[in-house]
Amino acid sequence: RMRRGPTPTFTFTADMDCSQLDKLDISFAQRDEVVLSKGLADCVISGNEITVSLAEEDTLLFDSRKNPVRIQLRAGIGDTRIASNMMHTTAEAILKDGCLE
């Protein structure tokens, strides 16, 4: 589960060495609409792990009434492209909306 507002870190484990990736898109969608995408520059790659942290503003983009949140990674090395299976989480509600000041 992911709560709206905090700054979660997602770590994805692949069945390959990811250090050679030259393209990467991590898409987060609700109700078939992409809400947020993160790219290679947003991630830390170590061996077969891809880590991405979301900012407060990122998690506030999700609507807790439109669960689930679907996540998919698409990546490339040269002309080769791969896509992960869909992963699911939820966007949990918070009492007071907006960024902390």
C-alpha atoms as a PDB file:
ATOM      1  CA  ARG A   1       0.000   0.000   0.000  1.00  0.00           C
ATOM      2  CA  MET A   2       1.022   3.560  -0.664  1.00  0.00           C
ATOM      3  CA  ARG A   3      -0.398   6.450   1.304  1.00  0.00           C
ATOM      4  CA  ARG A   4      -0.899   9.786  -0.444  1.00  0.00           C
ATOM      5  CA  GLY A   5       1.520  12.482   0.775  1.00  0.00           C
ATOM      6  CA  PRO A   6       4.539  10.535   2.088  1.00  0.00           C
ATOM      7  CA  THR A   7       7.704   9.923   0.058  1.00  0.00           C
ATOM      8  CA  PRO A   8       7.881   6.147  -0.538  1.00  0.00           C
ATOM      9  CA  THR A   9      10.731   4.278  -2.185  1.00  0.00           C
ATOM     10  CA  PHE A  10       9.956   1.393  -4.529  1.00  0.00           C
ATOM     11  CA  THR A  11      12.554  -1.285  -5.256  1.00  0.00           C
ATOM     12  CA  PHE A  12      11.969  -3.599  -8.203  1.00  0.00           C
ATOM     13  CA  THR A  13      14.017  -6.771  -8.625  1.00  0.00           C
ATOM     14  CA  ALA A  14      14.568  -7.945 -12.193  1.00  0.00           C
ATOM     15  CA  ASP A  15      15.740 -11.316 -13.446  1.00  0.00           C
ATOM     16  CA  MET A  16      18.634  -9.655 -15.280  1.00  0.00           C
ATOM     17  CA  ASP A  17      21.486  -7.237 -14.695  1.00  0.00           C
ATOM     18  CA  CYS A  18      19.979  -3.781 -15.180  1.00  0.00           C
ATOM     19  CA  SER A  19      23.256  -1.834 -15.251  1.00  0.00           C
ATOM     20  CA  GLN A  20      23.278  -1.770 -19.072  1.00  0.00           C
ATOM     21  CA  LEU A  21      19.802  -0.229 -19.448  1.00  0.00           C
ATOM     22  CA  ASP A  22      19.812   2.898 -21.598  1.00  0.00           C
ATOM     23  CA  LYS A  23      16.037   3.422 -21.533  1.00  0.00           C
ATOM     24  CA  LEU A  24      13.595   3.051 -18.656  1.00  0.00           C
ATOM     25  CA  ASP A  25      10.031   4.078 -17.944  1.00  0.00           C
ATOM     26  CA  ILE A  26       8.173   3.277 -14.735  1.00  0.00           C
ATOM     27  CA  SER A  27       4.493   4.105 -15.199  1.00  0.00           C
ATOM     28  CA  PHE A  28       1.946   4.385 -12.407  1.00  0.00           C
ATOM     29  CA  ALA A  29      -1.683   4.325 -13.591  1.00  0.00           C
ATOM     30  CA  GLN A  30      -5.183   4.462 -12.191  1.00  0.00           C
ATOM     31  CA  ARG A  31      -8.255   3.567 -14.237  1.00  0.00           C
ATOM     32  CA  ASP A  32      -6.194   3.103 -17.411  1.00  0.00           C
ATOM     33  CA  GLU A  33      -4.685   6.603 -17.196  1.00  0.00           C
ATOM     34  CA  VAL A  34      -1.002   7.114 -16.499  1.00  0.00           C
ATOM     35  CA  VAL A  35      -0.800   9.365 -13.442  1.00  0.00           C
ATOM     36  CA  LEU A  36       2.989   9.430 -13.064  1.00  0.00           C
ATOM     37  CA  SER A  37       6.053   8.286 -15.019  1.00  0.00           C
ATOM     38  CA  LYS A  38       9.632   8.083 -13.831  1.00  0.00           C
ATOM     39  CA  GLY A  39      12.629   7.596 -16.085  1.00  0.00           C
ATOM     40  CA  LEU A  40      16.201   6.379 -15.909  1.00  0.00           C
ATOM     41  CA  ALA A  41      17.442   9.675 -14.437  1.00  0.00           C
ATOM     42  CA  ASP A  42      14.975   9.288 -11.527  1.00  0.00           C
ATOM     43  CA  CYS A  43      16.229   5.823 -10.550  1.00  0.00           C
ATOM     44  CA  VAL A  44      19.163   4.167  -8.845  1.00  0.00           C
ATOM     45  CA  ILE A  45      20.251   0.923 -10.475  1.00  0.00           C
ATOM     46  CA  SER A  46      22.367  -1.645  -8.676  1.00  0.00           C
ATOM     47  CA  GLY A  47      22.802  -5.036 -10.308  1.00  0.00           C
ATOM     48  CA  ASN A  48      19.319  -6.450 -10.818  1.00  0.00           C
ATOM     49  CA  GLU A  49      17.575  -3.848  -8.630  1.00  0.00           C
ATOM     50  CA  ILE A  50      15.892  -0.635  -9.770  1.00  0.00           C
ATOM     51  CA  THR A  51      14.987   1.832  -7.023  1.00  0.00           C
ATOM     52  CA  VAL A  52      12.816   4.912  -7.439  1.00  0.00           C
ATOM     53  CA  SER A  53      11.661   7.360  -4.780  1.00  0.00           C
ATOM     54  CA  LEU A  54       8.478   9.360  -5.120  1.00  0.00           C
ATOM     55  CA  ALA A  55       8.183  12.939  -3.903  1.00  0.00           C
ATOM     56  CA  GLU A  56       5.307  14.250  -1.808  1.00  0.00           C
ATOM     57  CA  GLU A  57       3.914  15.980  -4.919  1.00  0.00           C
ATOM     58  CA  ASP A  58       4.059  12.664  -6.809  1.00  0.00           C
ATOM     59  CA  THR A  59       1.975  10.675  -4.332  1.00  0.00           C
ATOM     60  CA  LEU A  60      -0.585  13.475  -4.056  1.00  0.00           C
ATOM     61  CA  LEU A  61      -1.359  12.962  -7.765  1.00  0.00           C
ATOM     62  CA  PHE A  62      -3.115   9.679  -6.943  1.00  0.00           C
ATOM     63  CA  ASP A  63      -6.807   9.444  -6.059  1.00  0.00           C
ATOM     64  CA  SER A  64      -7.647   7.107  -3.171  1.00  0.00           C
ATOM     65  CA  ARG A  65     -11.109   6.578  -4.723  1.00  0.00           C
ATOM     66  CA  LYS A  66      -9.619   5.190  -7.960  1.00  0.00           C
ATOM     67  CA  ASN A  67      -7.728   2.134  -6.696  1.00  0.00           C
ATOM     68  CA  PRO A  68      -5.854   0.069  -7.629  1.00  0.00           C
ATOM     69  CA  VAL A  69      -2.642   1.753  -8.745  1.00  0.00           C
ATOM     70  CA  ARG A  70      -1.023  -0.322 -11.481  1.00  0.00           C
ATOM     71  CA  ILE A  71       2.735  -0.164 -12.016  1.00  0.00           C
ATOM     72  CA  GLN A  72       4.711  -1.355 -15.029  1.00  0.00           C
ATOM     73  CA  LEU A  73       8.362  -1.032 -16.009  1.00  0.00           C
ATOM     74  CA  ARG A  74       9.438  -0.821 -19.635  1.00  0.00           C
ATOM     75  CA  ALA A  75      13.124  -0.850 -20.432  1.00  0.00           C
ATOM     76  CA  GLY A  76      15.576  -0.987 -23.267  1.00  0.00           C
ATOM     77  CA  ILE A  77      19.151  -1.869 -24.077  1.00  0.00           C
ATOM     78  CA  GLY A  78      20.019  -0.690 -27.571  1.00  0.00           C
ATOM     79  CA  ASP A  79      17.181  -1.866 -29.840  1.00  0.00           C
ATOM     80  CA  THR A  80      15.917  -4.514 -27.397  1.00  0.00           C
ATOM     81  CA  ARG A  81      12.767  -3.687 -25.409  1.00  0.00           C
ATOM     82  CA  ILE A  82      11.217  -5.478 -22.444  1.00  0.00           C
ATOM     83  CA  ALA A  83       8.172  -4.897 -20.244  1.00  0.00           C
ATOM     84  CA  SER A  84       7.414  -6.189 -16.760  1.00  0.00           C
ATOM     85  CA  ASN A  85       4.236  -7.800 -15.570  1.00  0.00           C
ATOM     86  CA  MET A  86       1.706  -5.419 -14.039  1.00  0.00           C
ATOM     87  CA  MET A  87       2.089  -4.827 -10.310  1.00  0.00           C
ATOM     88  CA  HIS A  88      -0.656  -3.463  -8.092  1.00  0.00           C
ATOM     89  CA  THR A  89      -0.832  -1.326  -4.986  1.00  0.00           C
ATOM     90  CA  THR A  90      -3.354   1.092  -3.525  1.00  0.00           C
ATOM     91  CA  ALA A  91      -3.323   4.826  -2.861  1.00  0.00           C
ATOM     92  CA  GLU A  92      -4.558   5.279   0.694  1.00  0.00           C
ATOM     93  CA  ALA A  93      -6.398   8.414   1.824  1.00  0.00           C
ATOM     94  CA  ILE A  94      -5.077  11.177   4.077  1.00  0.00           C
ATOM     95  CA  LEU A  95      -7.186  13.536   6.162  1.00  0.00           C
ATOM     96  CA  LYS A  96      -5.716  16.835   4.977  1.00  0.00           C
ATOM     97  CA  ASP A  97      -4.739  17.161   1.331  1.00  0.00           C
ATOM     98  CA  GLY A  98      -1.748  19.129   0.049  1.00  0.00           C
ATOM     99  CA  CYS A  99       1.963  19.343   0.695  1.00  0.00           C
ATOM    100  CA  LEU A 100       3.259  20.005   4.174  1.00  0.00           C
ATOM    101  CA  GLU A 101       4.511  23.536   4.668  1.00  0.00           C
END
